[in-house]
Amino acid sequence: MFVRPERPEDVEAVHDVVGFAFASAEKPEPPIEVALLKELRGDAGWLPKLSLVAVIAGEVVGHVVCTRGRVDDSPALGLGPLAVRPCRHQQGVGKALMHVVLGAADALDEPLVVLLGDPGYYHRYGFVTASELGIYSPDPAWGRYFQARPLSAYQPIAGKFAYAEPFDRL
């Protein structure tokens, strides 16, 4: 497996991966995460260096992205969506994507990554409930699922997190 920055020729494959990863038998239409990703690509918060793909035998099998967010007036990153082709689950693809995107964000001197997800999964990558750091979600109902991971450039900040604008239209 190889993790690298997404290239223009990967966009369709990335949308397929995200579509398969978030598909639901109850909803035959494409998952909202695909539309979100399309909107994020055209947003000022899009950070091409933090849109990464996992490739196995020339096939894009996973994708992760971080986009520009803010904690009040301080820069931060919002992670997601993270997607892996269902046939590649339990093969370390998500783990590799997480390690590489966090390392890339750290190398870019980003201070903080936040996400909305399963604490049981993301705890292994150093995420904690964001409120423990004084960072609050756009929706208080998210509770412990709204998590944050300080990086090397982190200086304690407190306030409400705001995702890139396309997230507000979900």
C-alpha atoms as a PDB file:
ATOM      1  CA  MET A   1       0.000   0.000   0.000  1.00  0.00           C
ATOM      2  CA  PHE A   2       1.140   3.503  -0.805  1.00  0.00           C
ATOM      3  CA  VAL A   3      -0.354   6.707   0.645  1.00  0.00           C
ATOM      4  CA  ARG A   4       0.170   9.865  -1.394  1.00  0.00           C
ATOM      5  CA  PRO A   5      -1.455  13.219  -2.146  1.00  0.00           C
ATOM      6  CA  GLU A   6      -4.526  13.000  -4.326  1.00  0.00           C
ATOM      7  CA  ARG A   7      -3.961  13.831  -8.005  1.00  0.00           C
ATOM      8  CA  PRO A   8      -6.518  15.316 -10.429  1.00  0.00           C
ATOM      9  CA  GLU A   9      -6.903  11.942 -12.130  1.00  0.00           C
ATOM     10  CA  ASP A  10      -7.889  10.388  -8.767  1.00  0.00           C
ATOM     11  CA  VAL A  11     -11.020  12.502  -8.214  1.00  0.00           C
ATOM     12  CA  GLU A  12     -13.514  10.073  -9.784  1.00  0.00           C
ATOM     13  CA  ALA A  13     -11.977   7.089  -7.960  1.00  0.00           C
ATOM     14  CA  VAL A  14     -12.058   9.034  -4.676  1.00  0.00           C
ATOM     15  CA  HIS A  15     -15.753   9.789  -5.158  1.00  0.00           C
ATOM     16  CA  ASP A  16     -16.353   6.070  -5.827  1.00  0.00           C
ATOM     17  CA  VAL A  17     -14.465   5.076  -2.657  1.00  0.00           C
ATOM     18  CA  VAL A  18     -16.413   7.579  -0.555  1.00  0.00           C
ATOM     19  CA  GLY A  19     -19.683   6.487  -2.164  1.00  0.00           C
ATOM     20  CA  PHE A  20     -19.055   2.800  -1.427  1.00  0.00           C
ATOM     21  CA  ALA A  21     -17.772   3.499   2.086  1.00  0.00           C
ATOM     22  CA  PHE A  22     -20.852   5.498   3.109  1.00  0.00           C
ATOM     23  CA  ALA A  23     -23.490   3.650   1.058  1.00  0.00           C
ATOM     24  CA  SER A  24     -26.678   2.630   2.783  1.00  0.00           C
ATOM     25  CA  ALA A  25     -29.264   0.050   1.729  1.00  0.00           C
ATOM     26  CA  GLU A  26     -31.981   2.401   3.028  1.00  0.00           C
ATOM     27  CA  LYS A  27     -30.875   5.273   0.779  1.00  0.00           C
ATOM     28  CA  PRO A  28     -30.248   4.391  -2.879  1.00  0.00           C
ATOM     29  CA  GLU A  29     -29.003   7.906  -3.745  1.00  0.00           C
ATOM     30  CA  PRO A  30     -25.304   8.769  -3.395  1.00  0.00           C
ATOM     31  CA  PRO A  31     -24.266   9.446   0.199  1.00  0.00           C
ATOM     32  CA  ILE A  32     -24.084  13.061   1.362  1.00  0.00           C
ATOM     33  CA  GLU A  33     -20.333  12.647   1.938  1.00  0.00           C
ATOM     34  CA  VAL A  34     -19.783  12.522  -1.855  1.00  0.00           C
ATOM     35  CA  ALA A  35     -21.612  15.836  -2.349  1.00  0.00           C
ATOM     36  CA  LEU A  36     -19.727  17.302   0.605  1.00  0.00           C
ATOM     37  CA  LEU A  37     -16.384  16.310  -0.897  1.00  0.00           C
ATOM     38  CA  LYS A  38     -17.340  17.880  -4.238  1.00  0.00           C
ATOM     39  CA  GLU A  39     -18.279  21.138  -2.492  1.00  0.00           C
ATOM     40  CA  LEU A  40     -15.142  21.136  -0.357  1.00  0.00           C
ATOM     41  CA  ARG A  41     -12.958  20.934  -3.480  1.00  0.00           C
ATOM     42  CA  GLY A  42     -14.291  24.338  -4.571  1.00  0.00           C
ATOM     43  CA  ASP A  43     -14.107  25.944  -1.137  1.00  0.00           C
ATOM     44  CA  ALA A  44     -11.424  28.282   0.226  1.00  0.00           C
ATOM     45  CA  GLY A  45     -10.914  25.752   3.028  1.00  0.00           C
ATOM     46  CA  TRP A  46      -9.671  23.044   0.633  1.00  0.00           C
ATOM     47  CA  LEU A  47      -6.063  22.067   1.373  1.00  0.00           C
ATOM     48  CA  PRO A  48      -4.720  19.940  -1.512  1.00  0.00           C
ATOM     49  CA  LYS A  49      -1.680  18.774   0.486  1.00  0.00           C
ATOM     50  CA  LEU A  50      -4.044  17.203   3.014  1.00  0.00           C
ATOM     51  CA  SER A  51      -6.228  15.282   0.565  1.00  0.00           C
ATOM     52  CA  LEU A  52      -4.596  11.855   0.529  1.00  0.00           C
ATOM     53  CA  VAL A  53      -5.297   8.541  -1.159  1.00  0.00           C
ATOM     54  CA  ALA A  54      -4.277   4.991  -0.329  1.00  0.00           C
ATOM     55  CA  VAL A  55      -3.339   2.974  -3.401  1.00  0.00           C
ATOM     56  CA  ILE A  56      -2.946  -0.795  -3.703  1.00  0.00           C
ATOM     57  CA  ALA A  57      -1.842  -2.321  -7.024  1.00  0.00           C
ATOM     58  CA  GLY A  58      -2.652   0.944  -8.817  1.00  0.00           C
ATOM     59  CA  GLU A  59      -6.194   1.174  -7.383  1.00  0.00           C
ATOM     60  CA  VAL A  60      -7.372   3.956  -5.079  1.00  0.00           C
ATOM     61  CA  VAL A  61      -8.786   2.075  -2.082  1.00  0.00           C
ATOM     62  CA  GLY A  62      -8.999   4.828   0.527  1.00  0.00           C
ATOM     63  CA  HIS A  63      -9.151   8.579   1.010  1.00  0.00           C
ATOM     64  CA  VAL A  64      -8.862  11.104   3.815  1.00  0.00           C
ATOM     65  CA  VAL A  65      -8.987  14.877   3.810  1.00  0.00           C
ATOM     66  CA  CYS A  66      -8.425  17.727   6.238  1.00  0.00           C
ATOM     67  CA  THR A  67      -9.857  21.135   5.447  1.00  0.00           C
ATOM     68  CA  ARG A  68      -9.379  24.535   7.038  1.00  0.00           C
ATOM     69  CA  GLY A  69     -11.446  25.156  10.103  1.00  0.00           C
ATOM     70  CA  ARG A  70     -11.164  27.598  12.976  1.00  0.00           C
ATOM     71  CA  VAL A  71     -11.430  27.721  16.728  1.00  0.00           C
ATOM     72  CA  ASP A  72     -12.729  31.247  17.054  1.00  0.00           C
ATOM     73  CA  ASP A  73      -9.930  33.214  15.292  1.00  0.00           C
ATOM     74  CA  SER A  74      -7.271  30.474  15.451  1.00  0.00           C
ATOM     75  CA  PRO A  75      -6.600  28.096  12.543  1.00  0.00           C
ATOM     76  CA  ALA A  76      -7.382  24.424  12.970  1.00  0.00           C
ATOM     77  CA  LEU A  77      -8.205  21.479  10.723  1.00  0.00           C
ATOM     78  CA  GLY A  78     -11.389  19.497  10.303  1.00  0.00           C
ATOM     79  CA  LEU A  79     -10.727  15.874   9.361  1.00  0.00           C
ATOM     80  CA  GLY A  80     -13.192  14.016   7.206  1.00  0.00           C
ATOM     81  CA  PRO A  81     -14.493  12.231   5.478  1.00  0.00           C
ATOM     82  CA  LEU A  82     -12.194   9.232   5.968  1.00  0.00           C
ATOM     83  CA  ALA A  83     -13.233   6.436   3.605  1.00  0.00           C
ATOM     84  CA  VAL A  84     -12.004   2.938   2.752  1.00  0.00           C
ATOM     85  CA  ARG A  85     -13.470   0.576   0.162  1.00  0.00           C
ATOM     86  CA  PRO A  86     -15.496  -1.994   2.128  1.00  0.00           C
ATOM     87  CA  CYS A  87     -13.551  -4.876   0.533  1.00  0.00           C
ATOM     88  CA  ARG A  88     -10.379  -3.375   2.063  1.00  0.00           C
ATOM     89  CA  HIS A  89     -11.642  -3.023   5.640  1.00  0.00           C
ATOM     90  CA  GLN A  90      -9.467  -4.595   8.341  1.00  0.00           C
ATOM     91  CA  GLN A  91      -6.370  -4.353   6.113  1.00  0.00           C
ATOM     92  CA  GLY A  92      -4.760  -1.282   7.700  1.00  0.00           C
ATOM     93  CA  VAL A  93      -5.859   1.211   5.048  1.00  0.00           C
ATOM     94  CA  GLY A  94      -7.665   3.549   7.467  1.00  0.00           C
ATOM     95  CA  LYS A  95      -4.797   3.295   9.935  1.00  0.00           C
ATOM     96  CA  ALA A  96      -2.243   4.218   7.267  1.00  0.00           C
ATOM     97  CA  LEU A  97      -4.343   7.153   6.058  1.00  0.00           C
ATOM     98  CA  MET A  98      -4.745   8.468   9.597  1.00  0.00           C
ATOM     99  CA  HIS A  99      -1.043   8.248  10.413  1.00  0.00           C
ATOM    100  CA  VAL A 100      -0.003   9.923   7.153  1.00  0.00           C
ATOM    101  CA  VAL A 101      -2.567  12.752   7.300  1.00  0.00           C
ATOM    102  CA  LEU A 102      -1.694  13.549  10.927  1.00  0.00           C
ATOM    103  CA  GLY A 103       2.017  13.490  10.072  1.00  0.00           C
ATOM    104  CA  ALA A 104       1.458  15.715   7.036  1.00  0.00           C
ATOM    105  CA  ALA A 105      -0.611  18.190   9.074  1.00  0.00           C
ATOM    106  CA  ASP A 106       2.096  18.247  11.736  1.00  0.00           C
ATOM    107  CA  ALA A 107       4.806  18.828   9.107  1.00  0.00           C
ATOM    108  CA  LEU A 108       2.778  21.803   7.812  1.00  0.00           C
ATOM    109  CA  ASP A 109       2.828  23.274  11.352  1.00  0.00           C
ATOM    110  CA  GLU A 110      -0.916  22.906  11.785  1.00  0.00           C
ATOM    111  CA  PRO A 111      -1.792  23.116  15.468  1.00  0.00           C
ATOM    112  CA  LEU A 112      -4.919  21.014  15.848  1.00  0.00           C
ATOM    113  CA  VAL A 113      -7.144  18.471  14.095  1.00  0.00           C
ATOM    114  CA  VAL A 114     -10.793  17.935  15.029  1.00  0.00           C
ATOM    115  CA  LEU A 115     -13.304  15.382  13.821  1.00  0.00           C
ATOM    116  CA  LEU A 116     -16.686  13.888  14.457  1.00  0.00           C
ATOM    117  CA  GLY A 117     -16.438  10.130  14.880  1.00  0.00           C
ATOM    118  CA  ASP A 118     -16.293   7.030  17.032  1.00  0.00           C
ATOM    119  CA  PRO A 119     -14.132   7.641  20.120  1.00  0.00           C
ATOM    120  CA  GLY A 120     -13.288   3.930  20.262  1.00  0.00           C
ATOM    121  CA  TYR A 121     -11.655   4.166  16.834  1.00  0.00           C
ATOM    122  CA  TYR A 122     -10.027   7.595  16.961  1.00  0.00           C
ATOM    123  CA  HIS A 123      -8.642   7.359  20.509  1.00  0.00           C
ATOM    124  CA  ARG A 124      -5.793   5.191  19.148  1.00  0.00           C
ATOM    125  CA  TYR A 125      -4.597   8.200  17.119  1.00  0.00           C
ATOM    126  CA  GLY A 126      -4.420  10.503  20.131  1.00  0.00           C
ATOM    127  CA  PHE A 127      -7.855  12.095  19.825  1.00  0.00           C
ATOM    128  CA  VAL A 128      -9.661  13.134  22.989  1.00  0.00           C
ATOM    129  CA  THR A 129     -13.079  14.609  23.587  1.00  0.00           C
ATOM    130  CA  ALA A 130     -12.592  18.158  22.294  1.00  0.00           C
ATOM    131  CA  SER A 131     -14.238  19.764  25.304  1.00  0.00           C
ATOM    132  CA  GLU A 132     -11.361  18.419  27.442  1.00  0.00           C
ATOM    133  CA  LEU A 133      -9.211  20.936  25.537  1.00  0.00           C
ATOM    134  CA  GLY A 134     -11.785  23.737  25.789  1.00  0.00           C
ATOM    135  CA  ILE A 135     -12.893  23.288  22.175  1.00  0.00           C
ATOM    136  CA  TYR A 136     -16.620  23.074  21.552  1.00  0.00           C
ATOM    137  CA  SER A 137     -18.526  21.613  18.630  1.00  0.00           C
ATOM    138  CA  PRO A 138     -20.901  23.445  16.331  1.00  0.00           C
ATOM    139  CA  ASP A 139     -23.614  21.124  17.703  1.00  0.00           C
ATOM    140  CA  PRO A 140     -23.608  20.353  21.454  1.00  0.00           C
ATOM    141  CA  ALA A 141     -25.476  17.093  20.776  1.00  0.00           C
ATOM    142  CA  TRP A 142     -22.265  15.643  19.285  1.00  0.00           C
ATOM    143  CA  GLY A 143     -20.870  15.287  22.807  1.00  0.00           C
ATOM    144  CA  ARG A 144     -17.971  12.830  23.115  1.00  0.00           C
ATOM    145  CA  TYR A 145     -18.033  12.119  19.367  1.00  0.00           C
ATOM    146  CA  PHE A 146     -16.560  15.555  18.684  1.00  0.00           C
ATOM    147  CA  GLN A 147     -12.837  15.004  19.222  1.00  0.00           C
ATOM    148  CA  ALA A 148      -9.570  16.892  18.888  1.00  0.00           C
ATOM    149  CA  ARG A 149      -5.911  15.988  18.456  1.00  0.00           C
ATOM    150  CA  PRO A 150      -3.254  18.596  19.290  1.00  0.00           C
ATOM    151  CA  LEU A 151      -0.169  18.580  17.043  1.00  0.00           C
ATOM    152  CA  SER A 152       3.374  19.870  17.681  1.00  0.00           C
ATOM    153  CA  ALA A 153       2.501  23.504  16.900  1.00  0.00           C
ATOM    154  CA  TYR A 154      -0.448  23.460  19.314  1.00  0.00           C
ATOM    155  CA  GLN A 155      -0.769  26.310  21.774  1.00  0.00           C
ATOM    156  CA  PRO A 156      -3.764  26.012  24.086  1.00  0.00           C
ATOM    157  CA  ILE A 157      -6.808  27.704  22.621  1.00  0.00           C
ATOM    158  CA  ALA A 158     -10.426  27.588  23.647  1.00  0.00           C
ATOM    159  CA  GLY A 159     -13.629  28.320  21.834  1.00  0.00           C
ATOM    160  CA  LYS A 160     -16.113  27.017  19.338  1.00  0.00           C
ATOM    161  CA  PHE A 161     -14.878  25.116  16.292  1.00  0.00           C
ATOM    162  CA  ALA A 162     -16.168  26.007  12.825  1.00  0.00           C
ATOM    163  CA  TYR A 163     -15.712  23.642   9.876  1.00  0.00           C
ATOM    164  CA  ALA A 164     -15.149  24.817   6.280  1.00  0.00           C
ATOM    165  CA  GLU A 165     -18.357  26.375   4.964  1.00  0.00           C
ATOM    166  CA  PRO A 166     -19.651  23.348   2.975  1.00  0.00           C
ATOM    167  CA  PHE A 167     -20.106  21.450   6.246  1.00  0.00           C
ATOM    168  CA  ASP A 168     -22.676  24.069   7.297  1.00  0.00           C
ATOM    169  CA  ARG A 169     -24.889  23.015   4.384  1.00  0.00           C
ATOM    170  CA  LEU A 170     -25.166  19.352   5.464  1.00  0.00           C
END
